[in-house]
Amino acid sequence: MPYRDIHFISLMISVCAFTLQPFGQTKIRIKATPVSNQLSVTAINTPSKGTIVLWESNETTINENNWKAVHAFPVSKQNSAALLIKPKAKNNAFFKLSWQPINLPNQLAWIPSGNFQMGSPSDEPGRFKDEGPVHPSSVTHGFWMDRYETTQ
């Protein structure tokens, strides 16, 4: 995506983004990285509870039915999210943020985005054969996971 298009998308995001509380209390910082086509959205001074939802629309006529949620993160665990912009055929995208007063059950754990080592070392006691080898892996978007294993 050309550098100019990134700035256009950033401008459109700035126009579509709205504050989460009364005007002036919550700040939203949007940063476009032209080299990696990444968009970083940071919400500053957010409410202490709830969830920030990032919405996207590829339609030039924006109404409530054209928006789809592309990412959500709990403000108590993470105050920003970096999202990969996937160029579409239309070459335009509009984004907005909203805050949802969602109370999550205590058994859910937030798994933040990042890099980690996956697998089990071959000399680990009690290791099963399908648990290796250890290899690098990454989570591109944070997500919720139950703290307890579920069986049928």
N, C-alpha and C. Protein backbone atom coordinates (compact mmCIF):
# COMPACT_ATOMS: atom_id res chain seq x y z
N MET A 1 0.85 -1.16 0.00
CA MET A 1 0.00 0.00 0.00
C MET A 1 0.90 1.23 0.00
N PRO A 2 0.74 2.14 -0.93
CA PRO A 2 1.60 3.32 -1.00
C PRO A 2 1.48 4.17 0.26
N TYR A 3 2.56 4.93 0.51
CA TYR A 3 2.65 5.77 1.71
C TYR A 3 1.48 6.76 1.77
N ARG A 4 1.11 7.34 0.63
CA ARG A 4 0.02 8.32 0.58
C ARG A 4 -1.30 7.69 1.03
N ASP A 5 -1.55 6.46 0.62
CA ASP A 5 -2.79 5.78 1.00
C ASP A 5 -2.86 5.54 2.50
N ILE A 6 -1.71 5.24 3.12
CA ILE A 6 -1.67 5.04 4.57
C ILE A 6 -2.11 6.32 5.27
N HIS A 7 -1.58 7.47 4.82
CA HIS A 7 -1.96 8.73 5.44
C HIS A 7 -3.45 9.01 5.23
N PHE A 8 -3.99 8.68 4.06
CA PHE A 8 -5.42 8.87 3.80
C PHE A 8 -6.24 8.02 4.76
N ILE A 9 -5.84 6.76 4.93
CA ILE A 9 -6.56 5.88 5.86
C ILE A 9 -6.45 6.41 7.27
N SER A 10 -5.25 6.89 7.65
CA SER A 10 -5.06 7.44 8.98
C SER A 10 -5.97 8.65 9.20
N LEU A 11 -6.09 9.50 8.18
CA LEU A 11 -6.96 10.66 8.27
C LEU A 11 -8.42 10.23 8.42
N MET A 12 -8.84 9.25 7.64
CA MET A 12 -10.22 8.78 7.73
C MET A 12 -10.49 8.15 9.09
N ILE A 13 -9.50 7.47 9.65
CA ILE A 13 -9.66 6.89 10.98
C ILE A 13 -9.83 8.00 12.00
N SER A 14 -9.02 9.05 11.86
CA SER A 14 -9.12 10.17 12.79
C SER A 14 -10.50 10.80 12.73
N VAL A 15 -11.07 10.90 11.55
CA VAL A 15 -12.39 11.49 11.40
C VAL A 15 -13.47 10.59 11.98
N CYS A 16 -13.34 9.27 11.76
CA CYS A 16 -14.37 8.33 12.20
C CYS A 16 -14.26 7.96 13.67
N ALA A 17 -13.08 8.10 14.27
CA ALA A 17 -12.90 7.73 15.67
C ALA A 17 -13.65 8.73 16.54
N PHE A 18 -14.20 8.24 17.63
CA PHE A 18 -14.90 9.14 18.52
C PHE A 18 -14.48 8.85 19.95
N THR A 19 -14.69 9.82 20.83
CA THR A 19 -14.27 9.65 22.21
C THR A 19 -15.16 8.65 22.91
N LEU A 20 -14.59 8.02 23.93
CA LEU A 20 -15.30 6.96 24.62
C LEU A 20 -16.09 7.47 25.81
N GLN A 21 -15.70 8.62 26.32
CA GLN A 21 -16.39 9.25 27.42
C GLN A 21 -16.73 10.67 26.96
N PRO A 22 -17.28 11.52 27.82
CA PRO A 22 -17.53 12.89 27.40
C PRO A 22 -16.28 13.54 26.81
N PHE A 23 -16.48 14.45 25.88
CA PHE A 23 -15.41 15.08 25.11
C PHE A 23 -14.25 15.53 26.00
N GLY A 24 -13.04 15.19 25.60
CA GLY A 24 -11.85 15.64 26.29
C GLY A 24 -11.29 14.69 27.32
N GLN A 25 -12.01 13.67 27.72
CA GLN A 25 -11.51 12.77 28.75
C GLN A 25 -10.70 11.61 28.18
N THR A 26 -11.10 11.05 27.07
CA THR A 26 -10.38 9.94 26.47
C THR A 26 -9.70 10.41 25.20
N LYS A 27 -8.43 10.04 25.04
CA LYS A 27 -7.69 10.42 23.84
C LYS A 27 -7.41 9.16 23.02
N ILE A 28 -7.46 9.30 21.72
CA ILE A 28 -7.17 8.19 20.82
C ILE A 28 -6.02 8.60 19.92
N ARG A 29 -4.95 7.80 19.92
CA ARG A 29 -3.79 8.07 19.07
C ARG A 29 -3.75 7.02 17.97
N ILE A 30 -3.61 7.46 16.74
CA ILE A 30 -3.57 6.56 15.59
C ILE A 30 -2.25 6.76 14.88
N LYS A 31 -1.53 5.67 14.65
CA LYS A 31 -0.23 5.74 14.00
C LYS A 31 -0.20 4.75 12.84
N ALA A 32 0.15 5.23 11.67
CA ALA A 32 0.27 4.36 10.49
C ALA A 32 1.75 4.11 10.21
N THR A 33 2.10 2.86 9.94
CA THR A 33 3.46 2.48 9.60
C THR A 33 3.47 2.05 8.14
N PRO A 34 3.97 2.91 7.23
CA PRO A 34 3.88 2.60 5.80
C PRO A 34 4.68 1.38 5.37
N VAL A 35 5.78 1.10 6.03
CA VAL A 35 6.63 -0.02 5.61
C VAL A 35 5.94 -1.36 5.82
N SER A 36 5.30 -1.54 6.97
CA SER A 36 4.69 -2.83 7.29
C SER A 36 3.18 -2.85 7.06
N ASN A 37 2.60 -1.75 6.59
CA ASN A 37 1.15 -1.65 6.40
C ASN A 37 0.39 -1.92 7.70
N GLN A 38 0.97 -1.54 8.84
CA GLN A 38 0.30 -1.75 10.11
C GLN A 38 -0.33 -0.47 10.61
N LEU A 39 -1.44 -0.62 11.25
CA LEU A 39 -2.13 0.50 11.86
C LEU A 39 -2.16 0.26 13.36
N SER A 40 -1.67 1.21 14.12
CA SER A 40 -1.66 1.09 15.57
C SER A 40 -2.67 2.07 16.14
N VAL A 41 -3.60 1.57 16.92
CA VAL A 41 -4.62 2.40 17.55
C VAL A 41 -4.41 2.31 19.06
N THR A 42 -4.21 3.46 19.69
CA THR A 42 -3.98 3.50 21.13
C THR A 42 -5.04 4.38 21.78
N ALA A 43 -5.72 3.86 22.76
CA ALA A 43 -6.69 4.64 23.52
C ALA A 43 -6.05 5.00 24.85
N ILE A 44 -6.02 6.29 25.17
CA ILE A 44 -5.37 6.78 26.38
C ILE A 44 -6.44 7.31 27.33
N ASN A 45 -6.27 7.06 28.62
CA ASN A 45 -7.19 7.54 29.65
C ASN A 45 -8.58 6.94 29.46
N THR A 46 -8.62 5.64 29.21
CA THR A 46 -9.89 4.94 29.01
C THR A 46 -10.53 4.59 30.36
N PRO A 47 -11.78 4.20 30.37
CA PRO A 47 -12.39 3.72 31.61
C PRO A 47 -11.61 2.52 32.14
N SER A 48 -11.67 2.29 33.44
CA SER A 48 -10.87 1.21 34.03
C SER A 48 -11.44 -0.17 33.75
N LYS A 49 -12.68 -0.26 33.35
CA LYS A 49 -13.30 -1.55 33.05
C LYS A 49 -13.96 -1.48 31.69
N GLY A 50 -14.25 -2.64 31.14
CA GLY A 50 -14.94 -2.69 29.86
C GLY A 50 -14.02 -3.11 28.73
N THR A 51 -14.51 -2.98 27.52
CA THR A 51 -13.80 -3.45 26.34
C THR A 51 -13.84 -2.39 25.25
N ILE A 52 -12.70 -2.17 24.61
CA ILE A 52 -12.63 -1.29 23.44
C ILE A 52 -12.86 -2.17 22.22
N VAL A 53 -13.73 -1.75 21.32
CA VAL A 53 -14.00 -2.49 20.09
C VAL A 53 -13.60 -1.61 18.91
N LEU A 54 -12.81 -2.17 17.99
CA LEU A 54 -12.44 -1.48 16.76
C LEU A 54 -13.33 -2.00 15.65
N TRP A 55 -14.00 -1.08 14.96
CA TRP A 55 -14.93 -1.42 13.89
C TRP A 55 -14.36 -0.97 12.56
N GLU A 56 -14.68 -1.70 11.47
CA GLU A 56 -14.20 -1.36 10.13
C GLU A 56 -15.37 -1.38 9.14
N SER A 57 -15.30 -0.48 8.17
CA SER A 57 -16.25 -0.47 7.06
C SER A 57 -15.49 -0.18 5.78
N ASN A 58 -15.80 -0.88 4.71
CA ASN A 58 -15.18 -0.65 3.41
C ASN A 58 -16.13 0.04 2.44
N GLU A 59 -17.26 0.47 2.94
CA GLU A 59 -18.27 1.12 2.10
C GLU A 59 -18.09 2.63 2.15
N THR A 60 -18.29 3.30 1.03
CA THR A 60 -18.17 4.75 1.00
C THR A 60 -19.39 5.44 1.61
N THR A 61 -20.53 4.78 1.60
CA THR A 61 -21.71 5.29 2.28
C THR A 61 -21.83 4.53 3.60
N ILE A 62 -21.51 5.20 4.66
CA ILE A 62 -21.43 4.53 5.95
C ILE A 62 -22.76 4.65 6.69
N ASN A 63 -23.33 3.51 7.05
CA ASN A 63 -24.47 3.49 7.95
C ASN A 63 -24.22 2.39 8.97
N GLU A 64 -25.08 2.27 9.94
CA GLU A 64 -24.85 1.33 11.04
C GLU A 64 -24.73 -0.12 10.59
N ASN A 65 -25.31 -0.50 9.46
CA ASN A 65 -25.27 -1.89 9.00
C ASN A 65 -23.97 -2.26 8.28
N ASN A 66 -23.14 -1.28 7.94
CA ASN A 66 -21.91 -1.55 7.19
C ASN A 66 -20.70 -1.83 8.06
N TRP A 67 -20.80 -1.67 9.36
CA TRP A 67 -19.66 -1.83 10.26
C TRP A 67 -19.52 -3.28 10.72
N LYS A 68 -18.29 -3.77 10.79
CA LYS A 68 -18.03 -5.09 11.39
C LYS A 68 -16.91 -4.94 12.41
N ALA A 69 -17.04 -5.64 13.51
CA ALA A 69 -16.02 -5.60 14.56
C ALA A 69 -14.80 -6.39 14.08
N VAL A 70 -13.62 -5.77 14.12
CA VAL A 70 -12.41 -6.45 13.67
C VAL A 70 -11.47 -6.80 14.82
N HIS A 71 -11.65 -6.15 15.97
CA HIS A 71 -10.80 -6.47 17.12
C HIS A 71 -11.41 -5.87 18.37
N ALA A 72 -11.20 -6.54 19.49
CA ALA A 72 -11.64 -6.04 20.79
C ALA A 72 -10.59 -6.39 21.82
N PHE A 73 -10.39 -5.50 22.79
CA PHE A 73 -9.44 -5.80 23.85
C PHE A 73 -9.90 -5.16 25.15
N PRO A 74 -9.64 -5.83 26.29
CA PRO A 74 -10.06 -5.28 27.58
C PRO A 74 -9.15 -4.13 27.99
N VAL A 75 -9.72 -3.01 28.37
CA VAL A 75 -8.90 -1.85 28.72
C VAL A 75 -8.12 -2.07 30.01
N SER A 76 -8.56 -2.96 30.88
CA SER A 76 -7.83 -3.20 32.12
C SER A 76 -6.56 -4.01 31.88
N LYS A 77 -6.45 -4.72 30.77
CA LYS A 77 -5.29 -5.56 30.47
C LYS A 77 -4.37 -4.95 29.41
N GLN A 78 -4.92 -4.17 28.51
CA GLN A 78 -4.16 -3.68 27.36
C GLN A 78 -4.78 -2.37 26.90
N ASN A 79 -3.95 -1.34 26.67
CA ASN A 79 -4.54 -0.06 26.26
C ASN A 79 -4.35 0.24 24.78
N SER A 80 -3.83 -0.71 24.01
CA SER A 80 -3.65 -0.45 22.58
C SER A 80 -3.73 -1.75 21.79
N ALA A 81 -3.87 -1.60 20.49
CA ALA A 81 -3.90 -2.76 19.60
C ALA A 81 -3.28 -2.37 18.27
N ALA A 82 -2.40 -3.20 17.74
CA ALA A 82 -1.82 -2.98 16.42
C ALA A 82 -2.51 -3.93 15.45
N LEU A 83 -3.01 -3.40 14.36
CA LEU A 83 -3.77 -4.21 13.41
C LEU A 83 -3.13 -4.15 12.03
N LEU A 84 -3.10 -5.27 11.36
CA LEU A 84 -2.58 -5.35 10.00
C LEU A 84 -3.65 -4.89 9.03
N ILE A 85 -3.32 -3.93 8.19
CA ILE A 85 -4.26 -3.47 7.17
C ILE A 85 -4.17 -4.41 5.99
N LYS A 86 -5.28 -5.01 5.63
CA LYS A 86 -5.32 -5.91 4.48
C LYS A 86 -5.96 -5.14 3.33
N PRO A 87 -5.16 -4.79 2.31
CA PRO A 87 -5.73 -4.02 1.20
C PRO A 87 -6.88 -4.77 0.53
N LYS A 88 -7.95 -4.05 0.26
CA LYS A 88 -9.12 -4.62 -0.40
C LYS A 88 -9.17 -4.08 -1.83
N ALA A 89 -10.04 -4.62 -2.63
CA ALA A 89 -10.18 -4.19 -4.02
C ALA A 89 -10.60 -2.73 -4.11
N LYS A 90 -11.42 -2.28 -3.16
CA LYS A 90 -11.91 -0.90 -3.21
C LYS A 90 -10.87 0.11 -2.75
N ASN A 91 -9.85 -0.32 -2.01
CA ASN A 91 -8.76 0.53 -1.56
C ASN A 91 -9.18 1.63 -0.58
N ASN A 92 -10.30 1.47 0.11
CA ASN A 92 -10.66 2.43 1.14
C ASN A 92 -11.16 1.68 2.36
N ALA A 93 -10.89 2.25 3.51
CA ALA A 93 -11.33 1.63 4.76
C ALA A 93 -11.61 2.74 5.77
N PHE A 94 -12.64 2.55 6.55
CA PHE A 94 -13.02 3.49 7.58
C PHE A 94 -13.04 2.73 8.90
N PHE A 95 -12.56 3.37 9.97
CA PHE A 95 -12.49 2.72 11.27
C PHE A 95 -13.13 3.62 12.32
N LYS A 96 -13.67 3.00 13.36
CA LYS A 96 -14.15 3.74 14.52
C LYS A 96 -13.93 2.88 15.76
N LEU A 97 -13.86 3.53 16.90
CA LEU A 97 -13.72 2.85 18.19
C LEU A 97 -15.00 3.01 18.98
N SER A 98 -15.31 2.01 19.77
CA SER A 98 -16.41 2.14 20.72
C SER A 98 -16.00 1.47 22.02
N TRP A 99 -16.64 1.84 23.09
CA TRP A 99 -16.40 1.24 24.39
C TRP A 99 -17.64 0.48 24.80
N GLN A 100 -17.46 -0.75 25.25
CA GLN A 100 -18.57 -1.59 25.68
C GLN A 100 -18.38 -1.92 27.17
N PRO A 101 -19.37 -1.67 28.01
CA PRO A 101 -19.23 -1.97 29.43
C PRO A 101 -19.44 -3.45 29.72
N ILE A 102 -18.60 -4.28 29.13
CA ILE A 102 -18.75 -5.74 29.25
C ILE A 102 -18.06 -6.22 30.52
N ASN A 103 -18.77 -7.00 31.31
CA ASN A 103 -18.18 -7.65 32.47
C ASN A 103 -17.95 -9.11 32.12
N LEU A 104 -16.70 -9.52 32.11
CA LEU A 104 -16.36 -10.89 31.74
C LEU A 104 -16.27 -11.78 32.96
N PRO A 105 -16.61 -13.05 32.82
CA PRO A 105 -16.48 -13.98 33.94
C PRO A 105 -15.01 -14.09 34.38
N ASN A 106 -14.80 -14.34 35.66
CA ASN A 106 -13.45 -14.43 36.21
C ASN A 106 -12.63 -15.58 35.64
N GLN A 107 -13.28 -16.61 35.10
CA GLN A 107 -12.53 -17.75 34.60
C GLN A 107 -11.88 -17.49 33.24
N LEU A 108 -12.16 -16.33 32.61
CA LEU A 108 -11.53 -16.01 31.34
C LEU A 108 -10.21 -15.28 31.57
N ALA A 109 -9.20 -15.66 30.83
CA ALA A 109 -7.88 -15.02 30.91
C ALA A 109 -7.61 -14.32 29.59
N TRP A 110 -7.04 -13.12 29.64
CA TRP A 110 -6.68 -12.37 28.44
C TRP A 110 -5.30 -12.84 27.98
N ILE A 111 -5.20 -13.28 26.74
CA ILE A 111 -3.94 -13.69 26.14
C ILE A 111 -3.51 -12.54 25.22
N PRO A 112 -2.48 -11.77 25.60
CA PRO A 112 -2.08 -10.63 24.78
C PRO A 112 -1.32 -11.07 23.53
N SER A 113 -1.28 -10.19 22.54
CA SER A 113 -0.50 -10.50 21.35
C SER A 113 0.99 -10.49 21.70
N GLY A 114 1.78 -11.22 20.93
CA GLY A 114 3.23 -11.27 21.17
C GLY A 114 3.84 -12.56 20.66
N ASN A 115 5.14 -12.70 20.89
CA ASN A 115 5.89 -13.89 20.46
C ASN A 115 6.16 -14.78 21.67
N PHE A 116 6.20 -16.09 21.45
CA PHE A 116 6.48 -17.03 22.52
C PHE A 116 7.03 -18.33 21.94
N GLN A 117 7.53 -19.19 22.82
CA GLN A 117 8.01 -20.51 22.43
C GLN A 117 6.88 -21.51 22.65
N MET A 118 6.56 -22.28 21.63
CA MET A 118 5.48 -23.26 21.71
C MET A 118 6.07 -24.66 21.69
N GLY A 119 5.50 -25.55 22.44
CA GLY A 119 5.97 -26.93 22.47
C GLY A 119 6.60 -27.28 23.80
N SER A 120 7.05 -28.50 23.89
CA SER A 120 7.64 -29.02 25.12
C SER A 120 9.03 -29.56 24.82
N PRO A 121 10.03 -29.27 25.68
CA PRO A 121 11.37 -29.82 25.46
C PRO A 121 11.34 -31.35 25.49
N SER A 122 12.20 -31.97 24.70
CA SER A 122 12.20 -33.44 24.59
C SER A 122 12.55 -34.13 25.91
N ASP A 123 13.25 -33.44 26.83
CA ASP A 123 13.64 -34.07 28.10
C ASP A 123 12.68 -33.73 29.25
N GLU A 124 11.54 -33.12 28.96
CA GLU A 124 10.59 -32.77 30.01
C GLU A 124 9.87 -34.01 30.52
N PRO A 125 9.82 -34.21 31.85
CA PRO A 125 9.11 -35.37 32.41
C PRO A 125 7.61 -35.31 32.08
N GLY A 126 7.04 -36.45 31.71
CA GLY A 126 5.61 -36.55 31.42
C GLY A 126 5.22 -35.99 30.07
N ARG A 127 6.18 -35.71 29.22
CA ARG A 127 5.93 -35.14 27.90
C ARG A 127 5.37 -36.20 26.96
N PHE A 128 4.35 -35.80 26.16
CA PHE A 128 3.82 -36.68 25.12
C PHE A 128 4.56 -36.41 23.82
N LYS A 129 4.60 -37.39 22.92
CA LYS A 129 5.35 -37.26 21.67
C LYS A 129 4.83 -36.14 20.78
N ASP A 130 3.53 -35.84 20.86
CA ASP A 130 2.97 -34.80 19.99
C ASP A 130 3.13 -33.38 20.54
N GLU A 131 3.89 -33.21 21.62
CA GLU A 131 4.07 -31.89 22.24
C GLU A 131 5.35 -31.19 21.79
N GLY A 132 6.04 -31.69 20.82
CA GLY A 132 7.29 -31.08 20.39
C GLY A 132 7.36 -31.03 18.89
N PRO A 133 8.38 -30.46 18.39
CA PRO A 133 9.51 -29.81 19.08
C PRO A 133 9.15 -28.38 19.51
N VAL A 134 10.01 -27.80 20.35
CA VAL A 134 9.84 -26.41 20.74
C VAL A 134 10.13 -25.54 19.51
N HIS A 135 9.26 -24.58 19.24
CA HIS A 135 9.44 -23.71 18.09
C HIS A 135 8.84 -22.33 18.37
N PRO A 136 9.37 -21.29 17.71
CA PRO A 136 8.81 -19.95 17.92
C PRO A 136 7.42 -19.83 17.30
N SER A 137 6.56 -19.08 17.97
CA SER A 137 5.21 -18.85 17.47
C SER A 137 4.79 -17.44 17.86
N SER A 138 3.72 -16.96 17.29
CA SER A 138 3.26 -15.61 17.64
C SER A 138 1.74 -15.54 17.62
N VAL A 139 1.22 -14.65 18.44
CA VAL A 139 -0.20 -14.35 18.49
C VAL A 139 -0.34 -12.93 17.95
N THR A 140 -1.06 -12.76 16.84
CA THR A 140 -1.16 -11.44 16.21
C THR A 140 -2.23 -10.56 16.84
N HIS A 141 -3.27 -11.15 17.41
CA HIS A 141 -4.32 -10.40 18.10
C HIS A 141 -4.57 -11.06 19.45
N GLY A 142 -4.69 -10.25 20.49
CA GLY A 142 -5.02 -10.81 21.79
C GLY A 142 -6.41 -11.42 21.78
N PHE A 143 -6.64 -12.35 22.71
CA PHE A 143 -7.94 -13.02 22.77
C PHE A 143 -8.18 -13.54 24.18
N TRP A 144 -9.43 -13.89 24.47
CA TRP A 144 -9.78 -14.47 25.76
C TRP A 144 -9.77 -15.99 25.66
N MET A 145 -9.34 -16.63 26.75
CA MET A 145 -9.35 -18.09 26.81
C MET A 145 -9.80 -18.50 28.22
N ASP A 146 -10.54 -19.58 28.29
CA ASP A 146 -10.96 -20.09 29.59
C ASP A 146 -9.74 -20.59 30.35
N ARG A 147 -9.70 -20.37 31.64
CA ARG A 147 -8.57 -20.80 32.46
C ARG A 147 -8.55 -22.32 32.68
N TYR A 148 -9.67 -22.96 32.46
CA TYR A 148 -9.78 -24.38 32.77
C TYR A 148 -10.03 -25.19 31.52
N GLU A 149 -9.44 -26.37 31.47
CA GLU A 149 -9.62 -27.27 30.33
C GLU A 149 -11.06 -27.76 30.29
N THR A 150 -11.60 -27.84 29.11
CA THR A 150 -12.97 -28.33 28.93
C THR A 150 -12.92 -29.69 28.26
N THR A 151 -13.64 -30.64 28.82
CA THR A 151 -13.70 -31.98 28.23
C THR A 151 -15.16 -32.36 28.01
N GLN A 152 -15.36 -33.34 27.14
CA GLN A 152 -16.73 -33.82 26.89
C GLN A 152 -16.91 -35.18 27.50
